[in-house]
Amino acid sequence: QEFFEGRDGFEPVSTSGGRRLDASEGGGLDASGGRRLDMLTNLMLRSVLPPVHMEDVDQFRFWLYPSETKTRNQERLDYFRKRQWLDSQSEAVIVRMYIFNAELGRPRVEELTLTFFFSQGGGIFFTRELQAIFLSLYYDNRVVIVDVLFFMSLLYSTMHSGWQVWKSFIKGEFLLHMSNLVIFWDWIILLFGWYIVLGFFFLNEHTNATAEAVQGVLVHGWAEPAVLRESTIELFDKGQLASTFLSNLRVIWAQYALMLMFRFFASFGSQPRLAVVTHTLQSAR
């Protein structure tokens, strides 16, 4: 009872509608087993269970601090288990941890997220996700030169393509010009390139915000949970925003590389030896 009254390590998102901590509420997990624990792939996640988008009133958050003993943390977990907080109405449990690493190149925070889904049809499924959040945007100044060259080439390509579009517009051949598949694909690559440049700007903002949150935790050292609670909440909130943004941005980076690869295939036709590749692909159809 002292854990509930002291609220050490516990922080409900909303006091108006959180999940009840009532031992009389039935439907808890059966300790005798019977439920499966299977890995849930991305395809299964899309076809079997909906994505987790819980409202604040449906969430309950609590933290396990590394400054406390294993026994203390185990007592807190036992407190929830005995009161059957996980019951038949539970939809998902998310376990998220942040691991600091300053020994491999750029200092980074590794976010490990384990999500357990409780299917109404029976069974427990889980997903795991690992995201590296770098606390420094560049490890070496030489990398900045590469990014500057990319920006200059993107700017030149945009200006050159824009001038070609303007000339076709003056001649009244705009639709004919843009109907060319190669030119249309070039503009898609250019737009994605500028989206990536904008993404780097926001990535720098998330990197600085996460670094400040990490510093806010480290400055307290191995303090008591009451001292660490506010900085811990800030770290988890900013870290989650940064990891979500990074995961989406990394998907765009991968797709952008594929788009450039297909554009290179189109350029092979201008050189007889390289055109053998495109002619082979055409013959294979």
Protein backbone atom coordinates (compact mmCIF):
# COMPACT_ATOMS: atom_id res chain seq x y z
CA GLN A 1 0.00 0.00 0.00
CA GLU A 2 2.88 2.39 0.67
CA PHE A 3 3.91 2.20 -2.98
CA PHE A 4 0.49 3.39 -4.08
CA GLU A 5 0.34 6.19 -1.54
CA GLY A 6 3.92 7.34 -2.05
CA ARG A 7 3.63 7.02 -5.83
CA ASP A 8 7.38 6.43 -6.01
CA GLY A 9 8.10 5.49 -9.60
CA PHE A 10 4.46 5.71 -10.68
CA GLU A 11 3.03 8.50 -12.77
CA PRO A 12 -0.46 8.11 -14.30
CA VAL A 13 -0.94 10.12 -17.46
CA SER A 14 -4.40 11.19 -16.35
CA THR A 15 -6.14 10.97 -13.00
CA SER A 16 -9.58 11.12 -14.58
CA GLY A 17 -9.73 7.75 -16.25
CA GLY A 18 -6.71 5.53 -15.70
CA ARG A 19 -6.93 1.80 -15.34
CA ARG A 20 -8.22 0.75 -11.91
CA LEU A 21 -5.90 -0.92 -9.42
CA ASP A 22 -8.58 -3.07 -7.88
CA ALA A 23 -7.90 -6.59 -6.72
CA SER A 24 -11.61 -7.40 -6.98
CA GLU A 25 -11.56 -6.88 -10.75
CA GLY A 26 -11.54 -10.29 -12.34
CA GLY A 27 -10.18 -11.56 -15.60
CA GLY A 28 -6.50 -11.52 -14.71
CA LEU A 29 -3.89 -13.56 -16.47
CA ASP A 30 -3.96 -17.21 -15.65
CA ALA A 31 -0.65 -18.15 -14.09
CA SER A 32 -1.13 -21.75 -15.15
CA GLY A 33 -0.32 -20.83 -18.73
CA GLY A 34 -2.22 -21.54 -21.91
CA ARG A 35 -1.40 -18.30 -23.69
CA ARG A 36 1.24 -18.28 -26.40
CA LEU A 37 4.11 -15.82 -26.66
CA ASP A 38 4.89 -15.49 -30.35
CA MET A 39 6.92 -12.97 -32.27
CA LEU A 40 4.65 -10.64 -34.23
CA THR A 41 6.09 -9.64 -37.60
CA ASN A 42 5.18 -6.42 -39.38
CA LEU A 43 2.88 -8.31 -41.76
CA MET A 44 1.07 -9.96 -38.85
CA LEU A 45 0.85 -6.63 -37.06
CA ARG A 46 -1.00 -5.14 -40.02
CA SER A 47 -3.32 -8.10 -40.54
CA VAL A 48 -3.95 -9.41 -37.02
CA LEU A 49 -3.83 -6.51 -34.59
CA PRO A 50 -4.31 -2.77 -35.05
CA PRO A 51 -1.47 -0.36 -34.24
CA VAL A 52 -1.22 0.92 -30.69
CA HIS A 53 -2.70 4.43 -30.47
CA MET A 54 -3.90 4.70 -26.91
CA GLU A 55 -5.38 7.88 -25.51
CA ASP A 56 -3.90 9.44 -22.39
CA VAL A 57 -6.79 8.23 -20.25
CA ASP A 58 -6.08 4.65 -21.35
CA GLN A 59 -2.41 4.73 -20.37
CA PHE A 60 -0.64 4.22 -17.09
CA ARG A 61 3.08 4.88 -16.94
CA PHE A 62 5.61 4.00 -14.28
CA TRP A 63 9.40 3.85 -14.15
CA LEU A 64 12.02 1.53 -12.74
CA TYR A 65 15.05 3.53 -11.73
CA PRO A 66 18.60 2.11 -11.94
CA SER A 67 19.45 3.87 -8.68
CA GLU A 68 17.13 1.52 -6.77
CA THR A 69 17.80 -2.04 -5.75
CA LYS A 70 16.54 -5.07 -7.61
CA THR A 71 14.43 -6.01 -4.59
CA ARG A 72 12.68 -2.65 -4.56
CA ASN A 73 11.82 -2.84 -8.24
CA GLN A 74 10.62 -6.43 -7.86
CA GLU A 75 8.30 -5.38 -5.06
CA ARG A 76 6.73 -2.78 -7.32
CA LEU A 77 6.13 -5.30 -10.08
CA ASP A 78 4.67 -7.76 -7.58
CA TYR A 79 2.33 -5.01 -6.40
CA PHE A 80 0.80 -4.77 -9.85
CA ARG A 81 0.67 -8.52 -10.34
CA LYS A 82 -1.16 -9.17 -7.07
CA ARG A 83 -3.74 -6.48 -7.82
CA GLN A 84 -4.31 -7.95 -11.30
CA TRP A 85 -3.65 -4.71 -13.10
CA LEU A 86 -3.21 -6.75 -16.30
CA ASP A 87 -6.67 -8.16 -16.85
CA SER A 88 -8.90 -9.26 -19.72
CA GLN A 89 -9.39 -5.63 -20.77
CA SER A 90 -5.68 -4.98 -21.26
CA GLU A 91 -4.74 -4.44 -24.89
CA ALA A 92 -0.99 -3.87 -24.79
CA VAL A 93 1.99 -3.40 -22.51
CA ILE A 94 4.94 -1.34 -23.72
CA VAL A 95 8.34 -1.74 -22.06
CA ARG A 96 10.78 0.98 -23.10
CA MET A 97 14.33 1.51 -21.90
CA TYR A 98 17.17 3.87 -22.79
CA ILE A 99 20.77 2.70 -22.78
CA PHE A 100 23.55 5.27 -22.89
CA ASN A 101 26.59 4.50 -25.03
CA ALA A 102 29.47 6.96 -25.45
CA GLU A 103 32.19 4.50 -26.47
CA LEU A 104 31.32 3.74 -30.11
CA GLY A 105 31.93 6.80 -32.26
CA ARG A 106 29.30 9.45 -31.68
CA PRO A 107 27.62 9.41 -28.25
CA ARG A 108 24.20 7.84 -28.58
CA VAL A 109 21.16 6.63 -26.73
CA GLU A 110 19.81 3.21 -27.67
CA GLU A 111 16.04 2.98 -27.31
CA LEU A 112 14.77 -0.57 -26.88
CA THR A 113 11.00 -1.00 -27.07
CA LEU A 114 9.16 -4.25 -26.36
CA THR A 115 5.43 -4.20 -27.11
CA PHE A 116 3.22 -7.05 -25.90
CA PHE A 117 -0.22 -7.39 -27.50
CA PHE A 118 -3.04 -9.30 -25.80
CA SER A 119 -5.32 -10.73 -28.47
CA GLN A 120 -9.01 -11.06 -27.66
CA GLY A 121 -8.90 -14.36 -29.52
CA GLY A 122 -6.21 -15.70 -27.22
CA GLY A 123 -2.46 -15.50 -27.33
CA ILE A 124 0.23 -12.97 -26.50
CA PHE A 125 2.22 -11.47 -29.35
CA PHE A 126 5.17 -9.13 -29.14
CA THR A 127 7.32 -6.86 -31.27
CA ARG A 128 10.74 -5.46 -30.52
CA GLU A 129 12.33 -2.35 -31.94
CA LEU A 130 15.81 -0.89 -31.45
CA GLN A 131 16.53 2.69 -32.44
CA ALA A 132 19.84 4.54 -32.12
CA ILE A 133 19.40 8.21 -31.21
CA PHE A 134 22.67 10.05 -31.82
CA LEU A 135 23.38 12.92 -29.46
CA SER A 136 25.72 14.57 -31.94
CA LEU A 137 24.72 15.16 -35.55
CA TYR A 138 28.27 14.86 -36.95
CA TYR A 139 31.15 12.76 -35.72
CA ASP A 140 33.75 14.32 -38.02
CA ASN A 141 33.86 17.65 -39.83
CA ARG A 142 34.72 15.82 -43.03
CA VAL A 143 31.20 14.44 -43.07
CA VAL A 144 29.90 18.01 -43.23
CA ILE A 145 31.73 18.45 -46.56
CA VAL A 146 29.83 15.49 -48.02
CA ASP A 147 26.50 16.97 -46.92
CA VAL A 148 27.44 20.36 -48.36
CA LEU A 149 28.31 18.73 -51.69
CA PHE A 150 24.95 16.93 -51.67
CA PHE A 151 23.16 20.21 -50.96
CA MET A 152 25.02 22.06 -53.74
CA SER A 153 24.35 19.30 -56.29
CA LEU A 154 20.68 19.21 -55.28
CA LEU A 155 20.44 23.00 -55.59
CA TYR A 156 22.10 22.99 -59.02
CA SER A 157 19.90 20.13 -60.28
CA THR A 158 16.77 21.92 -59.05
CA MET A 159 17.75 25.20 -60.73
CA HIS A 160 18.64 23.43 -64.00
CA SER A 161 15.43 21.40 -64.06
CA GLY A 162 13.40 24.45 -63.10
CA TRP A 163 14.93 26.41 -66.00
CA GLN A 164 14.02 23.61 -68.42
CA VAL A 165 10.44 23.61 -67.13
CA TRP A 166 10.24 27.39 -67.52
CA LYS A 167 11.44 27.25 -71.13
CA SER A 168 8.89 24.56 -71.94
CA PHE A 169 6.18 26.69 -70.31
CA ILE A 170 7.14 29.70 -72.44
CA LYS A 171 6.95 27.57 -75.58
CA GLY A 172 3.59 26.13 -74.54
CA GLU A 173 5.03 22.63 -74.18
CA PHE A 174 4.77 22.27 -70.43
CA LEU A 175 2.50 19.20 -70.43
CA LEU A 176 4.58 17.55 -73.14
CA HIS A 177 7.73 18.26 -71.17
CA MET A 178 6.39 16.86 -67.91
CA SER A 179 4.89 13.81 -69.63
CA ASN A 180 8.42 12.55 -70.21
CA LEU A 181 8.84 9.75 -67.68
CA VAL A 182 12.52 10.48 -67.05
CA ILE A 183 11.88 14.17 -66.38
CA PHE A 184 8.92 13.37 -64.16
CA TRP A 185 11.07 10.92 -62.20
CA ASP A 186 13.80 13.55 -61.86
CA TRP A 187 11.35 15.92 -60.19
CA ILE A 188 10.25 13.22 -57.77
CA ILE A 189 13.90 12.66 -56.83
CA LEU A 190 14.43 16.40 -56.39
CA LEU A 191 11.37 16.79 -54.17
CA PHE A 192 12.42 13.84 -52.02
CA GLY A 193 15.91 15.31 -51.82
CA TRP A 194 14.60 18.60 -50.44
CA TYR A 195 12.40 16.66 -48.03
CA ILE A 196 15.54 14.93 -46.74
CA VAL A 197 17.30 18.29 -46.36
CA LEU A 198 14.34 19.52 -44.32
CA GLY A 199 14.46 16.26 -42.36
CA PHE A 200 18.09 16.94 -41.41
CA PHE A 201 17.03 20.28 -39.99
CA PHE A 202 14.39 18.69 -37.77
CA LEU A 203 16.80 15.86 -36.95
CA ASN A 204 19.20 18.42 -35.52
CA GLU A 205 16.38 19.84 -33.38
CA HIS A 206 15.47 16.38 -32.02
CA THR A 207 19.15 15.58 -31.42
CA ASN A 208 19.69 18.71 -29.34
CA ALA A 209 16.46 18.18 -27.39
CA THR A 210 17.37 14.57 -26.58
CA ALA A 211 20.91 15.56 -25.57
CA GLU A 212 19.50 18.15 -23.15
CA ALA A 213 17.12 15.58 -21.69
CA VAL A 214 19.95 13.07 -21.20
CA GLN A 215 22.07 15.74 -19.54
CA GLY A 216 19.17 16.53 -17.23
CA VAL A 217 19.15 12.90 -16.05
CA LEU A 218 22.92 12.53 -15.75
CA VAL A 219 23.34 15.71 -13.73
CA HIS A 220 21.41 14.12 -10.84
CA GLY A 221 23.54 10.98 -10.81
CA TRP A 222 22.16 8.16 -8.66
CA ALA A 223 19.64 10.37 -6.90
CA GLU A 224 16.37 9.31 -5.32
CA PRO A 225 13.37 8.66 -7.60
CA ALA A 226 11.60 11.78 -6.36
CA VAL A 227 14.48 13.85 -7.75
CA LEU A 228 14.76 11.92 -11.02
CA ARG A 229 11.05 11.75 -11.86
CA GLU A 230 10.73 15.05 -13.72
CA SER A 231 13.90 14.61 -15.76
CA THR A 232 12.96 10.99 -16.50
CA ILE A 233 9.57 12.00 -17.89
CA GLU A 234 11.28 14.59 -20.10
CA LEU A 235 13.78 12.00 -21.36
CA PHE A 236 11.10 9.48 -22.26
CA ASP A 237 8.88 12.04 -23.97
CA LYS A 238 11.64 13.64 -26.05
CA GLY A 239 13.34 10.32 -26.70
CA GLN A 240 10.14 8.80 -28.04
CA LEU A 241 9.58 11.76 -30.37
CA ALA A 242 13.16 11.53 -31.63
CA SER A 243 13.02 7.77 -32.21
CA THR A 244 9.70 7.99 -34.07
CA PHE A 245 11.04 10.74 -36.31
CA LEU A 246 14.28 8.83 -36.93
CA SER A 247 12.51 5.59 -37.80
CA ASN A 248 10.39 7.39 -40.41
CA LEU A 249 13.37 9.33 -41.77
CA ARG A 250 15.45 6.18 -42.14
CA VAL A 251 12.71 4.59 -44.23
CA ILE A 252 12.75 7.65 -46.51
CA TRP A 253 16.56 7.41 -46.81
CA ALA A 254 16.27 3.80 -47.92
CA GLN A 255 13.56 4.58 -50.47
CA TYR A 256 15.57 7.54 -51.78
CA ALA A 257 18.53 5.25 -52.49
CA LEU A 258 16.24 2.96 -54.52
CA MET A 259 14.87 5.93 -56.45
CA LEU A 260 18.39 7.05 -57.35
CA MET A 261 19.29 3.53 -58.43
CA PHE A 262 16.38 3.38 -60.88
CA ARG A 263 17.36 6.81 -62.20
CA PHE A 264 20.89 5.55 -62.86
CA PHE A 265 19.43 2.75 -64.96
CA ALA A 266 17.73 5.36 -67.14
CA SER A 267 21.06 7.17 -67.57
CA PHE A 268 22.81 4.02 -68.77
CA GLY A 269 21.28 4.44 -72.23
CA SER A 270 23.59 7.39 -73.02
CA GLN A 271 26.68 5.16 -72.92
CA PRO A 272 26.81 2.18 -75.30
CA ARG A 273 28.54 -0.22 -72.91
CA LEU A 274 26.29 0.65 -69.99
CA ALA A 275 23.25 0.47 -72.24
CA VAL A 276 23.77 -3.27 -72.42
CA VAL A 277 22.26 -3.44 -68.92
CA THR A 278 19.07 -1.63 -69.89
CA HIS A 279 18.75 -3.54 -73.17
CA THR A 280 19.09 -6.80 -71.26
CA LEU A 281 16.33 -5.77 -68.86
CA GLN A 282 14.08 -4.81 -71.77
CA SER A 283 14.68 -8.15 -73.47
CA ALA A 284 13.91 -10.01 -70.24
CA ARG A 285 10.34 -8.69 -70.29
